[in-house]
Protein backbone atom coordinates (compact mmCIF):
# COMPACT_ATOMS: atom_id res chain seq x y z
CA MET A 1 -2.76 -67.59 -74.68
CA GLY A 2 0.13 -67.05 -72.24
CA ILE A 3 2.97 -64.60 -72.62
CA GLU A 4 6.29 -66.25 -73.42
CA LYS A 5 8.94 -65.49 -70.82
CA ARG A 6 11.99 -63.72 -72.25
CA TYR A 7 15.47 -64.83 -71.23
CA PHE A 8 18.56 -62.66 -71.61
CA HIS A 9 22.11 -63.77 -72.38
CA SER A 10 24.91 -62.58 -70.10
CA ARG A 11 26.21 -60.17 -72.75
CA GLU A 12 22.76 -58.55 -72.92
CA VAL A 13 22.61 -58.25 -69.14
CA ARG A 14 26.06 -56.63 -69.04
CA GLU A 15 25.00 -54.11 -71.68
CA ILE A 16 21.66 -53.32 -70.05
CA VAL A 17 22.90 -53.10 -66.45
CA GLY A 18 26.43 -51.80 -67.05
CA LEU A 19 28.45 -54.60 -65.50
CA THR A 20 31.68 -56.26 -66.52
CA ARG A 21 31.91 -59.97 -67.28
CA ARG A 22 34.07 -60.40 -64.18
CA GLN A 23 31.51 -58.69 -61.94
CA MET A 24 28.74 -60.97 -63.17
CA GLN A 25 30.90 -64.07 -62.72
CA TYR A 26 31.97 -63.03 -59.23
CA TRP A 27 28.42 -62.15 -58.12
CA ASP A 28 27.18 -65.49 -59.48
CA GLN A 29 29.99 -67.48 -57.81
CA THR A 30 29.48 -65.76 -54.47
CA GLY A 31 25.68 -65.97 -54.60
CA LEU A 32 24.99 -62.24 -54.60
CA VAL A 33 22.90 -62.56 -57.76
CA LYS A 34 22.47 -65.80 -59.68
CA ALA A 35 21.13 -66.59 -63.11
CA GLY A 36 17.48 -67.59 -63.12
CA GLN A 37 18.05 -70.46 -65.55
CA ARG A 38 20.84 -72.56 -67.03
CA THR A 39 20.76 -74.28 -70.40
CA GLN A 40 21.61 -77.98 -70.72
CA GLY A 41 25.08 -76.85 -71.78
CA GLY A 42 25.44 -74.83 -68.55
CA HIS A 43 25.02 -71.37 -70.07
CA ALA A 44 23.30 -68.79 -67.88
CA ARG A 45 19.97 -67.31 -68.93
CA TYR A 46 18.56 -64.33 -67.08
CA THR A 47 14.98 -63.28 -66.46
CA PHE A 48 13.71 -59.74 -66.15
CA GLU A 49 13.72 -60.24 -62.36
CA ASP A 50 17.41 -61.15 -62.56
CA LEU A 51 18.03 -57.87 -64.42
CA VAL A 52 16.25 -56.00 -61.62
CA ALA A 53 18.39 -57.76 -58.99
CA TYR A 54 21.62 -56.95 -60.86
CA LYS A 55 20.56 -53.33 -61.40
CA THR A 56 19.61 -52.91 -57.72
CA ALA A 57 22.93 -54.36 -56.53
CA LYS A 58 24.82 -52.11 -58.96
CA LYS A 59 22.92 -49.01 -57.79
CA LEU A 60 23.70 -49.85 -54.15
CA LEU A 61 27.39 -50.22 -55.05
CA ASP A 62 27.34 -46.96 -57.01
CA ALA A 63 25.79 -45.26 -53.95
CA GLY A 64 28.77 -46.34 -51.83
CA VAL A 65 27.46 -49.50 -50.17
CA SER A 66 30.16 -52.19 -50.09
CA LEU A 67 29.61 -55.69 -51.49
CA GLN A 68 30.13 -57.07 -48.00
CA ARG A 69 27.43 -54.77 -46.64
CA ILE A 70 25.03 -55.72 -49.46
CA ARG A 71 25.55 -59.41 -48.64
CA LYS A 72 24.93 -58.73 -44.95
CA VAL A 73 21.76 -56.78 -45.84
CA LEU A 74 20.44 -59.68 -47.96
CA VAL A 75 21.07 -62.25 -45.22
CA ARG A 76 19.41 -60.05 -42.62
CA LEU A 77 16.39 -59.26 -44.82
CA ARG A 78 15.79 -62.96 -45.42
CA ASP A 79 15.76 -63.40 -41.62
CA ILE A 80 13.52 -60.40 -40.92
CA LEU A 81 11.14 -61.04 -43.85
CA PRO A 82 11.08 -64.79 -44.47
CA THR A 83 8.35 -64.53 -47.11
CA ILE A 84 10.62 -62.37 -49.29
CA LYS A 85 12.70 -64.68 -51.47
CA GLN A 86 14.47 -62.06 -53.62
CA PRO A 87 15.04 -58.89 -51.58
CA LEU A 88 16.82 -57.09 -54.42
CA VAL A 89 13.76 -57.63 -56.62
CA GLU A 90 10.81 -57.60 -54.23
CA LEU A 91 11.73 -54.71 -51.93
CA THR A 92 12.42 -51.02 -52.40
CA LEU A 93 15.92 -50.34 -51.08
CA VAL A 94 17.46 -46.91 -50.62
CA ALA A 95 21.08 -46.21 -49.72
CA THR A 96 22.03 -43.21 -47.61
CA GLY A 97 25.75 -43.50 -47.13
CA ASP A 98 26.44 -47.03 -45.93
CA VAL A 99 22.94 -47.36 -44.46
CA VAL A 100 20.40 -49.29 -46.50
CA LEU A 101 16.77 -48.43 -45.86
CA VAL A 102 13.96 -50.81 -46.76
CA PHE A 103 10.49 -49.62 -47.71
CA TYR A 104 7.99 -52.40 -47.07
CA GLU A 105 4.26 -52.34 -46.29
CA ASP A 106 3.93 -48.62 -45.40
CA THR A 107 7.02 -48.56 -43.21
CA ALA A 108 10.72 -47.94 -43.59
CA PHE A 109 13.45 -49.61 -41.58
CA GLU A 110 17.20 -50.02 -41.54
CA ALA A 111 18.02 -53.28 -43.30
CA ILE A 112 20.53 -54.74 -40.84
CA THR A 113 19.12 -53.65 -37.46
CA GLY A 114 15.47 -53.72 -38.47
CA GLN A 115 15.00 -50.42 -36.63
CA GLU A 116 12.10 -48.38 -37.95
CA TRP A 117 13.47 -45.30 -39.66
CA LEU A 118 10.62 -42.87 -40.26
CA LEU A 119 8.70 -41.10 -37.55
CA ASP A 120 5.14 -39.92 -37.62
CA ILE A 121 5.54 -36.12 -37.52
CA ALA A 122 2.24 -35.73 -35.64
CA ASP A 123 3.63 -37.93 -32.84
CA VAL A 124 6.73 -35.75 -32.58
CA GLN A 125 4.56 -32.61 -32.48
CA ARG A 126 2.46 -34.09 -29.65
CA ASP A 127 5.65 -34.96 -27.73
CA VAL A 128 6.92 -31.39 -28.09
CA GLU A 129 3.60 -29.95 -26.90
CA ARG A 130 3.57 -32.27 -23.86
CA TRP A 131 7.13 -31.28 -23.03
CA GLN A 132 6.30 -27.57 -23.36
CA ARG A 133 3.33 -27.92 -20.96
CA ARG A 134 5.47 -29.81 -18.44
CA VAL A 135 8.31 -27.25 -18.60
CA SER A 136 5.83 -24.40 -18.29
CA LYS A 137 4.35 -25.90 -15.08
CA VAL A 138 7.83 -26.41 -13.59
CA ARG A 139 8.81 -22.80 -14.39
CA ARG A 140 5.62 -21.45 -12.78
CA PHE A 141 6.25 -23.58 -9.69
CA ARG A 142 9.84 -22.34 -9.42
CA ARG A 143 8.78 -18.68 -9.75
CA VAL A 144 6.13 -19.06 -7.05
CA LYS A 145 8.51 -20.90 -4.75
CA SER A 146 11.33 -18.34 -5.19
CA VAL A 147 9.00 -15.40 -4.48
CA ASN A 148 7.75 -17.09 -1.32
CA THR A 149 11.19 -18.12 -0.02
CA PRO A 150 11.88 -16.12 3.21
CA GLY A 151 15.04 -14.06 3.11
CA ALA A 152 15.42 -14.24 -0.69
CA VAL A 153 15.70 -11.31 -3.09
CA THR A 154 14.46 -11.85 -6.65
CA LEU A 155 16.65 -10.52 -9.46
CA GLY A 156 14.69 -10.20 -12.70
CA ASN A 157 12.60 -13.27 -13.52
CA ALA A 158 14.99 -16.10 -12.87
CA ALA A 159 17.56 -15.82 -10.11
CA THR A 160 17.10 -15.50 -6.35
CA ILE A 161 19.85 -14.64 -3.92
CA PRO A 162 19.38 -15.62 -0.27
CA GLN A 163 19.88 -12.78 2.19
CA GLY A 164 21.57 -13.44 5.38
């Protein structure tokens, strides 16, 4: 026996998500979020997934992301991830200022540029250690060279003043 799919009326969606009637109408007209179903009389009916999409869009707005930016993010995500049909529902999105990060398949990236956001800390540590070894060799070379420079007087550990 299958589970019957529940549909929500627009009033229920507004109450659950915290939207105004005008916001829902505008988002539907502009394609930001659309109703999952329409009755024969043209009335919108919303699925649970539609509620998730509305709630995600509202949270992004509340976090300071503009509607224009959200639209741009959705267009770009559909280009970057063509198998994702409903980015607001299928992806984990996080807003930090006006930047929207996407968490997808063990990675995080900026939604519009696609640039990977998180770094592997172990890689950064290895880079620092390599840099420290390289700098250490250069410093040793400079000390040896300055001590062996004819006519130079060493002041402390770092500076040499040519005599002449």
